[in-house]
PDB file of N, CA and C in Angstrom:
ATOM      1  N   UNK A   1      -4.047  17.326  13.357  1.00  0.00           N
ATOM      2  CA  UNK A   1      -2.820  17.103  12.632  1.00  0.00           C
ATOM      3  C   UNK A   1      -3.096  16.612  11.215  1.00  0.00           C
ATOM      4  N   UNK A   2      -4.051  15.709  11.058  1.00  0.00           N
ATOM      5  CA  UNK A   2      -4.423  15.206   9.740  1.00  0.00           C
ATOM      6  C   UNK A   2      -5.672  15.939   9.266  1.00  0.00           C
ATOM      7  N   UNK A   3      -5.672  16.339   8.004  1.00  0.00           N
ATOM      8  CA  UNK A   3      -6.876  16.950   7.458  1.00  0.00           C
ATOM      9  C   UNK A   3      -7.978  15.912   7.336  1.00  0.00           C
ATOM     10  N   UNK A   4      -7.588  14.687   6.995  1.00  0.00           N
ATOM     11  CA  UNK A   4      -8.538  13.582   6.878  1.00  0.00           C
ATOM     12  C   UNK A   4      -8.029  12.456   7.772  1.00  0.00           C
ATOM     13  N   UNK A   5      -8.753  12.172   8.849  1.00  0.00           N
ATOM     14  CA  UNK A   5      -8.311  11.145   9.792  1.00  0.00           C
ATOM     15  C   UNK A   5      -8.224   9.758   9.170  1.00  0.00           C
ATOM     16  N   UNK A   6      -8.910   9.537   8.059  1.00  0.00           N
ATOM     17  CA  UNK A   6      -8.832   8.233   7.405  1.00  0.00           C
ATOM     18  C   UNK A   6      -7.475   8.015   6.737  1.00  0.00           C
ATOM     19  N   UNK A   7      -6.659   9.077   6.612  1.00  0.00           N
ATOM     20  CA  UNK A   7      -5.336   8.957   6.017  1.00  0.00           C
ATOM     21  C   UNK A   7      -4.294   8.481   7.032  1.00  0.00           C
ATOM     22  N   UNK A   8      -4.676   8.401   8.313  1.00  0.00           N
ATOM     23  CA  UNK A   8      -3.745   7.912   9.331  1.00  0.00           C
ATOM     24  C   UNK A   8      -3.472   6.442   9.087  1.00  0.00           C
ATOM     25  N   UNK A   9      -2.259   6.042   9.276  1.00  0.00           N
ATOM     26  CA  UNK A   9      -1.873   4.655   9.009  1.00  0.00           C
ATOM     27  C   UNK A   9      -1.986   3.834  10.281  1.00  0.00           C
ATOM     28  N   UNK A  10      -3.202   3.400  10.583  1.00  0.00           N
ATOM     29  CA  UNK A  10      -3.476   2.596  11.775  1.00  0.00           C
ATOM     30  C   UNK A  10      -3.724   1.131  11.458  1.00  0.00           C
ATOM     31  N   UNK A  11      -3.927   0.796  10.201  1.00  0.00           N
ATOM     32  CA  UNK A  11      -4.280  -0.563   9.810  1.00  0.00           C
ATOM     33  C   UNK A  11      -3.024  -1.351   9.479  1.00  0.00           C
ATOM     34  N   UNK A  12      -2.868  -2.481  10.144  1.00  0.00           N
ATOM     35  CA  UNK A  12      -1.665  -3.284   9.977  1.00  0.00           C
ATOM     36  C   UNK A  12      -1.974  -4.550   9.186  1.00  0.00           C
ATOM     37  N   UNK A  13      -1.002  -4.942   8.387  1.00  0.00           N
ATOM     38  CA  UNK A  13      -1.054  -6.200   7.659  1.00  0.00           C
ATOM     39  C   UNK A  13       0.284  -6.885   7.871  1.00  0.00           C
ATOM     40  N   UNK A  14       0.260  -8.135   8.221  1.00  0.00           N
ATOM     41  CA  UNK A  14       1.498  -8.885   8.397  1.00  0.00           C
ATOM     42  C   UNK A  14       1.770  -9.753   7.180  1.00  0.00           C
ATOM     43  N   UNK A  15       3.017  -9.832   6.793  1.00  0.00           N
ATOM     44  CA  UNK A  15       3.392 -10.733   5.708  1.00  0.00           C
ATOM     45  C   UNK A  15       4.573 -11.573   6.179  1.00  0.00           C
ATOM     46  N   UNK A  16       4.672 -12.756   5.663  1.00  0.00           N
ATOM     47  CA  UNK A  16       5.791 -13.643   5.984  1.00  0.00           C
ATOM     48  C   UNK A  16       6.687 -13.754   4.766  1.00  0.00           C
ATOM     49  N   UNK A  17       7.956 -13.485   4.965  1.00  0.00           N
ATOM     50  CA  UNK A  17       8.946 -13.568   3.896  1.00  0.00           C
ATOM     51  C   UNK A  17       9.953 -14.653   4.236  1.00  0.00           C
ATOM     52  N   UNK A  18      10.466 -15.317   3.214  1.00  0.00           N
ATOM     53  CA  UNK A  18      11.551 -16.249   3.492  1.00  0.00           C
ATOM     54  C   UNK A  18      12.854 -15.456   3.599  1.00  0.00           C
ATOM     55  N   UNK A  19      13.925 -16.126   3.903  1.00  0.00           N
ATOM     56  CA  UNK A  19      15.203 -15.452   4.148  1.00  0.00           C
ATOM     57  C   UNK A  19      15.688 -14.676   2.923  1.00  0.00           C
ATOM     58  N   UNK A  20      15.472 -15.228   1.731  1.00  0.00           N
ATOM     59  CA  UNK A  20      15.924 -14.569   0.505  1.00  0.00           C
ATOM     60  C   UNK A  20      15.104 -13.314   0.201  1.00  0.00           C
ATOM     61  N   UNK A  21      13.788 -13.424   0.365  1.00  0.00           N
ATOM     62  CA  UNK A  21      12.912 -12.270   0.141  1.00  0.00           C
ATOM     63  C   UNK A  21      13.227 -11.145   1.120  1.00  0.00           C
ATOM     64  N   UNK A  22      13.411 -11.520   2.390  1.00  0.00           N
ATOM     65  CA  UNK A  22      13.740 -10.512   3.394  1.00  0.00           C
ATOM     66  C   UNK A  22      15.092  -9.873   3.088  1.00  0.00           C
ATOM     67  N   UNK A  23      16.039 -10.677   2.643  1.00  0.00           N
ATOM     68  CA  UNK A  23      17.350 -10.143   2.282  1.00  0.00           C
ATOM     69  C   UNK A  23      17.259  -9.139   1.145  1.00  0.00           C
ATOM     70  N   UNK A  24      16.405  -9.435   0.187  1.00  0.00           N
ATOM     71  CA  UNK A  24      16.215  -8.520  -0.943  1.00  0.00           C
ATOM     72  C   UNK A  24      15.617  -7.199  -0.464  1.00  0.00           C
ATOM     73  N   UNK A  25      14.599  -7.267   0.382  1.00  0.00           N
ATOM     74  CA  UNK A  25      13.975  -6.049   0.906  1.00  0.00           C
ATOM     75  C   UNK A  25      14.972  -5.278   1.775  1.00  0.00           C
ATOM     76  N   UNK A  26      15.742  -5.983   2.598  1.00  0.00           N
ATOM     77  CA  UNK A  26      16.770  -5.337   3.424  1.00  0.00           C
ATOM     78  C   UNK A  26      17.785  -4.603   2.549  1.00  0.00           C
ATOM     79  N   UNK A  27      18.241  -5.268   1.497  1.00  0.00           N
ATOM     80  CA  UNK A  27      19.231  -4.664   0.604  1.00  0.00           C
ATOM     81  C   UNK A  27      18.652  -3.440  -0.103  1.00  0.00           C
ATOM     82  N   UNK A  28      17.425  -3.545  -0.553  1.00  0.00           N
ATOM     83  CA  UNK A  28      16.777  -2.420  -1.234  1.00  0.00           C
ATOM     84  C   UNK A  28      16.566  -1.256  -0.279  1.00  0.00           C
ATOM     85  N   UNK A  29      16.188  -1.554   0.954  1.00  0.00           N
ATOM     86  CA  UNK A  29      16.012  -0.509   1.961  1.00  0.00           C
ATOM     87  C   UNK A  29      17.348   0.174   2.264  1.00  0.00           C
ATOM     88  N   UNK A  30      18.399  -0.617   2.380  1.00  0.00           N
ATOM     89  CA  UNK A  30      19.722  -0.040   2.639  1.00  0.00           C
ATOM     90  C   UNK A  30      20.187   0.803   1.447  1.00  0.00           C
ATOM     91  N   UNK A  31      19.920   0.326   0.243  1.00  0.00           N
ATOM     92  CA  UNK A  31      20.335   1.037  -0.966  1.00  0.00           C
ATOM     93  C   UNK A  31      19.600   2.368  -1.112  1.00  0.00           C
ATOM     94  N   UNK A  32      18.291   2.367  -0.843  1.00  0.00           N
ATOM     95  CA  UNK A  32      17.488   3.575  -1.038  1.00  0.00           C
ATOM     96  C   UNK A  32      17.472   4.474   0.191  1.00  0.00           C
ATOM     97  N   UNK A  33      17.810   3.907   1.361  1.00  0.00           N
ATOM     98  CA  UNK A  33      17.757   4.686   2.590  1.00  0.00           C
ATOM     99  C   UNK A  33      16.351   4.856   3.133  1.00  0.00           C
ATOM    100  N   UNK A  34      15.441   4.018   2.679  1.00  0.00           N
ATOM    101  CA  UNK A  34      14.042   4.083   3.101  1.00  0.00           C
ATOM    102  C   UNK A  34      13.785   2.930   4.065  1.00  0.00           C
ATOM    103  N   UNK A  35      12.980   3.181   5.107  1.00  0.00           N
ATOM    104  CA  UNK A  35      12.602   2.127   6.050  1.00  0.00           C
ATOM    105  C   UNK A  35      11.938   0.968   5.319  1.00  0.00           C
ATOM    106  N   UNK A  36      12.170  -0.246   5.834  1.00  0.00           N
ATOM    107  CA  UNK A  36      11.574  -1.431   5.205  1.00  0.00           C
ATOM    108  C   UNK A  36      10.062  -1.318   5.092  1.00  0.00           C
ATOM    109  N   UNK A  37       9.395  -0.925   6.173  1.00  0.00           N
ATOM    110  CA  UNK A  37       7.929  -0.859   6.161  1.00  0.00           C
ATOM    111  C   UNK A  37       7.437   0.151   5.137  1.00  0.00           C
ATOM    112  N   UNK A  38       8.072   1.315   5.078  1.00  0.00           N
ATOM    113  CA  UNK A  38       7.666   2.344   4.117  1.00  0.00           C
ATOM    114  C   UNK A  38       7.929   1.877   2.691  1.00  0.00           C
ATOM    115  N   UNK A  39       9.036   1.192   2.501  1.00  0.00           N
ATOM    116  CA  UNK A  39       9.386   0.681   1.172  1.00  0.00           C
ATOM    117  C   UNK A  39       8.366  -0.352   0.696  1.00  0.00           C
ATOM    118  N   UNK A  40       8.040  -1.292   1.576  1.00  0.00           N
ATOM    119  CA  UNK A  40       7.069  -2.335   1.207  1.00  0.00           C
ATOM    120  C   UNK A  40       5.691  -1.727   0.984  1.00  0.00           C
ATOM    121  N   UNK A  41       5.282  -0.757   1.830  1.00  0.00           N
ATOM    122  CA  UNK A  41       3.994  -0.090   1.641  1.00  0.00           C
ATOM    123  C   UNK A  41       3.948   0.583   0.271  1.00  0.00           C
ATOM    124  N   UNK A  42       5.013   1.290  -0.086  1.00  0.00           N
ATOM    125  CA  UNK A  42       5.072   1.962  -1.391  1.00  0.00           C
ATOM    126  C   UNK A  42       4.977   0.951  -2.534  1.00  0.00           C
ATOM    127  N   UNK A  43       5.678  -0.169  -2.396  1.00  0.00           N
ATOM    128  CA  UNK A  43       5.647  -1.196  -3.438  1.00  0.00           C
ATOM    129  C   UNK A  43       4.246  -1.789  -3.585  1.00  0.00           C
ATOM    130  N   UNK A  44       3.612  -2.070  -2.452  1.00  0.00           N
ATOM    131  CA  UNK A  44       2.261  -2.646  -2.470  1.00  0.00           C
ATOM    132  C   UNK A  44       1.279  -1.656  -3.096  1.00  0.00           C
ATOM    133  N   UNK A  45       1.339  -0.399  -2.687  1.00  0.00           N
ATOM    134  CA  UNK A  45       0.404   0.600  -3.212  1.00  0.00           C
ATOM    135  C   UNK A  45       0.611   0.833  -4.705  1.00  0.00           C
ATOM    136  N   UNK A  46       1.856   0.876  -5.145  1.00  0.00           N
ATOM    137  CA  UNK A  46       2.106   1.033  -6.591  1.00  0.00           C
ATOM    138  C   UNK A  46       1.552  -0.142  -7.377  1.00  0.00           C
ATOM    139  N   UNK A  47       1.760  -1.351  -6.854  1.00  0.00           N
ATOM    140  CA  UNK A  47       1.257  -2.539  -7.529  1.00  0.00           C
ATOM    141  C   UNK A  47      -0.268  -2.549  -7.557  1.00  0.00           C
ATOM    142  N   UNK A  48      -0.896  -2.186  -6.445  1.00  0.00           N
ATOM    143  CA  UNK A  48      -2.360  -2.153  -6.382  1.00  0.00           C
ATOM    144  C   UNK A  48      -2.930  -1.128  -7.357  1.00  0.00           C
ATOM    145  N   UNK A  49      -2.325   0.063  -7.399  1.00  0.00           N
ATOM    146  CA  UNK A  49      -2.811   1.090  -8.328  1.00  0.00           C
ATOM    147  C   UNK A  49      -2.610   0.651  -9.772  1.00  0.00           C
ATOM    148  N   UNK A  50      -1.493  -0.029 -10.035  1.00  0.00           N
ATOM    149  CA  UNK A  50      -1.251  -0.541 -11.383  1.00  0.00           C
ATOM    150  C   UNK A  50      -2.304  -1.581 -11.763  1.00  0.00           C
ATOM    151  N   UNK A  51      -2.646  -2.473 -10.840  1.00  0.00           N
ATOM    152  CA  UNK A  51      -3.670  -3.498 -11.096  1.00  0.00           C
ATOM    153  C   UNK A  51      -5.034  -2.872 -11.362  1.00  0.00           C
ATOM    154  N   UNK A  52      -5.305  -1.736 -10.702  1.00  0.00           N
ATOM    155  CA  UNK A  52      -6.579  -1.048 -10.885  1.00  0.00           C
ATOM    156  C   UNK A  52      -6.572  -0.120 -12.099  1.00  0.00           C
ATOM    157  N   UNK A  53      -5.408   0.067 -12.706  1.00  0.00           N
ATOM    158  CA  UNK A  53      -5.316   0.962 -13.845  1.00  0.00           C
ATOM    159  C   UNK A  53      -5.319   2.424 -13.444  1.00  0.00           C
ATOM    160  N   UNK A  54      -4.911   2.699 -12.209  1.00  0.00           N
ATOM    161  CA  UNK A  54      -4.858   4.064 -11.697  1.00  0.00           C
ATOM    162  C   UNK A  54      -3.431   4.556 -11.873  1.00  0.00           C
ATOM    163  N   UNK A  55      -3.273   5.762 -12.396  1.00  0.00           N
ATOM    164  CA  UNK A  55      -1.932   6.230 -12.739  1.00  0.00           C
ATOM    165  C   UNK A  55      -1.270   7.109 -11.692  1.00  0.00           C
ATOM    166  N   UNK A  56      -2.040   7.640 -10.734  1.00  0.00           N
ATOM    167  CA  UNK A  56      -1.436   8.545  -9.753  1.00  0.00           C
ATOM    168  C   UNK A  56      -2.148   8.446  -8.414  1.00  0.00           C
ATOM    169  N   UNK A  57      -1.476   8.927  -7.386  1.00  0.00           N
ATOM    170  CA  UNK A  57      -2.078   8.952  -6.050  1.00  0.00           C
ATOM    171  C   UNK A  57      -3.313   9.843  -6.033  1.00  0.00           C
ATOM    172  N   UNK A  58      -3.288  10.945  -6.771  1.00  0.00           N
ATOM    173  CA  UNK A  58      -4.441  11.853  -6.820  1.00  0.00           C
ATOM    174  C   UNK A  58      -5.648  11.155  -7.443  1.00  0.00           C
ATOM    175  N   UNK A  59      -5.411  10.382  -8.497  1.00  0.00           N
ATOM    176  CA  UNK A  59      -6.505   9.644  -9.123  1.00  0.00           C
ATOM    177  C   UNK A  59      -7.053   8.589  -8.159  1.00  0.00           C
ATOM    178  N   UNK A  60      -6.163   7.915  -7.437  1.00  0.00           N
ATOM    179  CA  UNK A  60      -6.589   6.930  -6.440  1.00  0.00           C
ATOM    180  C   UNK A  60      -7.422   7.598  -5.360  1.00  0.00           C
ATOM    181  N   UNK A  61      -6.967   8.757  -4.865  1.00  0.00           N
ATOM    182  CA  UNK A  61      -7.704   9.476  -3.825  1.00  0.00           C
ATOM    183  C   UNK A  61      -9.098   9.853  -4.302  1.00  0.00           C
ATOM    184  N   UNK A  62      -9.204  10.300  -5.548  1.00  0.00           N
ATOM    185  CA  UNK A  62     -10.505  10.692  -6.090  1.00  0.00           C
ATOM    186  C   UNK A  62     -11.441   9.488  -6.172  1.00  0.00           C
ATOM    187  N   UNK A  63     -10.900   8.353  -6.596  1.00  0.00           N
ATOM    188  CA  UNK A  63     -11.717   7.140  -6.705  1.00  0.00           C
ATOM    189  C   UNK A  63     -12.113   6.633  -5.320  1.00  0.00           C
ATOM    190  N   UNK A  64     -11.178   6.678  -4.379  1.00  0.00           N
ATOM    191  CA  UNK A  64     -11.452   6.118  -3.057  1.00  0.00           C
ATOM    192  C   UNK A  64     -12.455   6.944  -2.264  1.00  0.00           C
ATOM    193  N   UNK A  65     -12.726   8.159  -2.683  1.00  0.00           N
ATOM    194  CA  UNK A  65     -13.710   8.994  -1.991  1.00  0.00           C
ATOM    195  C   UNK A  65     -15.142   8.595  -2.361  1.00  0.00           C
ATOM    196  N   UNK A  66     -15.305   7.837  -3.442  1.00  0.00           N
ATOM    197  CA  UNK A  66     -16.645   7.426  -3.857  1.00  0.00           C
ATOM    198  C   UNK A  66     -17.070   6.201  -3.063  1.00  0.00           C
ATOM    199  N   UNK A  67     -18.350   5.993  -2.978  1.00  0.00           N
ATOM    200  CA  UNK A  67     -18.893   4.847  -2.252  1.00  0.00           C
ATOM    201  C   UNK A  67     -18.904   3.630  -3.171  1.00  0.00           C
ATOM    202  N   UNK A  68     -18.300   2.545  -2.724  1.00  0.00           N
ATOM    203  CA  UNK A  68     -18.308   1.301  -3.479  1.00  0.00           C
ATOM    204  C   UNK A  68     -19.173   0.297  -2.761  1.00  0.00           C
ATOM    205  N   UNK A  69     -19.949  -0.455  -3.499  1.00  0.00           N
ATOM    206  CA  UNK A  69     -20.747  -1.532  -2.952  1.00  0.00           C
ATOM    207  C   UNK A  69     -20.225  -2.836  -3.534  1.00  0.00           C
ATOM    208  N   UNK A  70     -20.065  -3.874  -2.708  1.00  0.00           N
ATOM    209  CA  UNK A  70     -19.594  -5.147  -3.244  1.00  0.00           C
ATOM    210  C   UNK A  70     -20.604  -5.728  -4.224  1.00  0.00           C
ATOM    211  N   UNK A  71     -20.105  -6.432  -5.198  1.00  0.00           N
ATOM    212  CA  UNK A  71     -20.978  -7.046  -6.206  1.00  0.00           C
ATOM    213  C   UNK A  71     -21.764  -8.198  -5.568  1.00  0.00           C
ATOM    214  N   UNK A  72     -21.068  -9.039  -4.825  1.00  0.00           N
ATOM    215  CA  UNK A  72     -21.734 -10.163  -4.164  1.00  0.00           C
ATOM    216  C   UNK A  72     -21.571 -10.018  -2.660  1.00  0.00           C
ATOM    217  N   UNK A  73     -22.578 -10.381  -1.948  1.00  0.00           N
ATOM    218  CA  UNK A  73     -22.510 -10.348  -0.497  1.00  0.00           C
ATOM    219  C   UNK A  73     -22.484 -11.771   0.018  1.00  0.00           C
ATOM    220  N   UNK A  74     -21.675 -11.997   1.024  1.00  0.00           N
ATOM    221  CA  UNK A  74     -21.530 -13.346   1.549  1.00  0.00           C
ATOM    222  C   UNK A  74     -22.734 -13.780   2.367  1.00  0.00           C
ATOM    223  N   UNK A  75     -23.385 -12.839   3.049  1.00  0.00           N
ATOM    224  CA  UNK A  75     -24.518 -13.202   3.918  1.00  0.00           C
ATOM    225  C   UNK A  75     -25.685 -12.297   3.645  1.00  0.00           C
TER     226      UNK A  75
END
């Protein structure tokens, strides 16, 4: 089904929102008609790409295919 199995969304991250933050996300989801989880994922990915200076999903995909080594290792 997937051309690249690494594109499957199996990795979960939990976040805690206060009542006001959750209300804002609920309102935005209702306004756009997009599921809360998909909306938050899109927001997080856009912010991450912006922080990295990446302008498009295609550019991100090209970068993510390269091997990265951490600068410092903990052990």
